[in-house]
Amino acid sequence: MTQYDNFIKQQTVHLLYVLIVFLVICSLVIGLNLFFGLPAVLSWSYFGTILRGFFNTPNKVKWLNYSLGISLFGVALWIALPH
């Protein structure tokens, strides 16, 4: 084997290590996203369904809008005023 062949072999092994590390990291990201992300999305949609059933009349929706508007105004004041 020549020196060039040894260099190519070393670079190929190094590239394979990099590829394996990349695939392991991608697998971890996908796994963590499935472990944490999927339950979060499912619980968010479940609570949204519950809230849709609770706010089914125009009067309840009006009071929800009033309360959220007041809380938004309170947050804006809290941000705007010096602490």
C-alpha atoms as a PDB file:
ATOM      1  CA  MET A   1       0.000   0.000   0.000  1.00  0.00           C
ATOM      2  CA  THR A   2       1.225   3.414  -0.842  1.00  0.00           C
ATOM      3  CA  GLN A   3       1.160   6.467   1.343  1.00  0.00           C
ATOM      4  CA  TYR A   4      -1.710   7.849  -0.739  1.00  0.00           C
ATOM      5  CA  ASP A   5      -3.767   4.677  -0.179  1.00  0.00           C
ATOM      6  CA  ASN A   6      -3.235   4.931   3.575  1.00  0.00           C
ATOM      7  CA  PHE A   7      -4.343   8.572   3.479  1.00  0.00           C
ATOM      8  CA  ILE A   8      -7.511   7.673   1.557  1.00  0.00           C
ATOM      9  CA  LYS A   9      -8.274   4.844   3.982  1.00  0.00           C
ATOM     10  CA  GLN A  10      -7.848   7.149   6.998  1.00  0.00           C
ATOM     11  CA  GLN A  11     -10.038   9.820   5.454  1.00  0.00           C
ATOM     12  CA  THR A  12     -12.726   7.253   4.616  1.00  0.00           C
ATOM     13  CA  VAL A  13     -12.741   5.934   8.182  1.00  0.00           C
ATOM     14  CA  HIS A  14     -12.909   9.501   9.503  1.00  0.00           C
ATOM     15  CA  LEU A  15     -15.807  10.307   7.169  1.00  0.00           C
ATOM     16  CA  LEU A  16     -17.650   7.184   8.324  1.00  0.00           C
ATOM     17  CA  TYR A  17     -17.209   8.254  11.960  1.00  0.00           C
ATOM     18  CA  VAL A  18     -18.586  11.700  11.153  1.00  0.00           C
ATOM     19  CA  LEU A  19     -21.536  10.155   9.320  1.00  0.00           C
ATOM     20  CA  ILE A  20     -22.300   7.804  12.219  1.00  0.00           C
ATOM     21  CA  VAL A  21     -22.154  10.669  14.741  1.00  0.00           C
ATOM     22  CA  PHE A  22     -24.443  12.742  12.508  1.00  0.00           C
ATOM     23  CA  LEU A  23     -26.975   9.914  12.254  1.00  0.00           C
ATOM     24  CA  VAL A  24     -26.891   9.330  16.014  1.00  0.00           C
ATOM     25  CA  ILE A  25     -27.507  13.030  16.689  1.00  0.00           C
ATOM     26  CA  CYS A  26     -30.369  13.111  14.181  1.00  0.00           C
ATOM     27  CA  SER A  27     -31.885  10.018  15.783  1.00  0.00           C
ATOM     28  CA  LEU A  28     -31.653  11.624  19.223  1.00  0.00           C
ATOM     29  CA  VAL A  29     -33.324  14.812  18.004  1.00  0.00           C
ATOM     30  CA  ILE A  30     -36.141  12.854  16.367  1.00  0.00           C
ATOM     31  CA  GLY A  31     -36.558  10.651  19.432  1.00  0.00           C
ATOM     32  CA  LEU A  32     -36.655  13.586  21.844  1.00  0.00           C
ATOM     33  CA  ASN A  33     -39.101  15.401  19.603  1.00  0.00           C
ATOM     34  CA  LEU A  34     -41.384  12.380  19.594  1.00  0.00           C
ATOM     35  CA  PHE A  35     -41.009  11.902  23.343  1.00  0.00           C
ATOM     36  CA  PHE A  36     -41.693  15.513  24.326  1.00  0.00           C
ATOM     37  CA  GLY A  37     -43.338  17.110  21.294  1.00  0.00           C
ATOM     38  CA  LEU A  38     -46.038  14.584  20.519  1.00  0.00           C
ATOM     39  CA  PRO A  39     -47.550  14.525  24.039  1.00  0.00           C
ATOM     40  CA  ALA A  40     -47.435  18.343  24.124  1.00  0.00           C
ATOM     41  CA  VAL A  41     -49.340  18.643  20.851  1.00  0.00           C
ATOM     42  CA  LEU A  42     -51.844  15.977  21.853  1.00  0.00           C
ATOM     43  CA  SER A  43     -52.542  17.578  25.243  1.00  0.00           C
ATOM     44  CA  TRP A  44     -52.858  21.026  23.630  1.00  0.00           C
ATOM     45  CA  SER A  45     -55.430  19.726  21.157  1.00  0.00           C
ATOM     46  CA  TYR A  46     -57.289  17.826  23.900  1.00  0.00           C
ATOM     47  CA  PHE A  47     -57.611  20.937  26.076  1.00  0.00           C
ATOM     48  CA  GLY A  48     -58.654  22.922  23.004  1.00  0.00           C
ATOM     49  CA  THR A  49     -61.497  20.468  22.455  1.00  0.00           C
ATOM     50  CA  ILE A  50     -62.555  20.828  26.082  1.00  0.00           C
ATOM     51  CA  LEU A  51     -62.485  24.628  25.823  1.00  0.00           C
ATOM     52  CA  ARG A  52     -64.500  24.552  22.615  1.00  0.00           C
ATOM     53  CA  GLY A  53     -67.198  22.607  24.424  1.00  0.00           C
ATOM     54  CA  PHE A  54     -67.140  25.031  27.355  1.00  0.00           C
ATOM     55  CA  PHE A  55     -67.273  28.258  25.323  1.00  0.00           C
ATOM     56  CA  ASN A  56     -70.175  27.219  23.127  1.00  0.00           C
ATOM     57  CA  THR A  57     -72.487  30.214  23.663  1.00  0.00           C
ATOM     58  CA  PRO A  58     -71.931  33.797  22.454  1.00  0.00           C
ATOM     59  CA  ASN A  59     -72.254  35.135  26.002  1.00  0.00           C
ATOM     60  CA  LYS A  60     -69.423  32.910  27.274  1.00  0.00           C
ATOM     61  CA  VAL A  61     -67.258  33.866  24.302  1.00  0.00           C
ATOM     62  CA  LYS A  62     -67.901  37.563  25.017  1.00  0.00           C
ATOM     63  CA  TRP A  63     -66.793  37.176  28.646  1.00  0.00           C
ATOM     64  CA  LEU A  64     -63.733  35.233  27.544  1.00  0.00           C
ATOM     65  CA  ASN A  65     -62.794  38.069  25.176  1.00  0.00           C
ATOM     66  CA  TYR A  66     -63.287  40.646  27.939  1.00  0.00           C
ATOM     67  CA  SER A  67     -61.145  38.720  30.414  1.00  0.00           C
ATOM     68  CA  LEU A  68     -58.365  38.079  27.890  1.00  0.00           C
ATOM     69  CA  GLY A  69     -58.433  41.734  26.835  1.00  0.00           C
ATOM     70  CA  ILE A  70     -58.122  42.895  30.439  1.00  0.00           C
ATOM     71  CA  SER A  71     -55.239  40.492  31.053  1.00  0.00           C
ATOM     72  CA  LEU A  72     -53.522  41.695  27.863  1.00  0.00           C
ATOM     73  CA  PHE A  73     -53.889  45.287  29.021  1.00  0.00           C
ATOM     74  CA  GLY A  74     -52.446  44.330  32.419  1.00  0.00           C
ATOM     75  CA  VAL A  75     -49.434  42.689  30.808  1.00  0.00           C
ATOM     76  CA  ALA A  76     -48.888  45.742  28.584  1.00  0.00           C
ATOM     77  CA  LEU A  77     -48.963  47.989  31.641  1.00  0.00           C
ATOM     78  CA  TRP A  78     -46.572  45.723  33.506  1.00  0.00           C
ATOM     79  CA  ILE A  79     -44.132  45.837  30.601  1.00  0.00           C
ATOM     80  CA  ALA A  80     -44.472  49.602  30.074  1.00  0.00           C
ATOM     81  CA  LEU A  81     -44.149  50.722  33.710  1.00  0.00           C
ATOM     82  CA  PRO A  82     -40.700  50.907  35.303  1.00  0.00           C
ATOM     83  CA  HIS A  83     -39.939  48.317  37.950  1.00  0.00           C
END
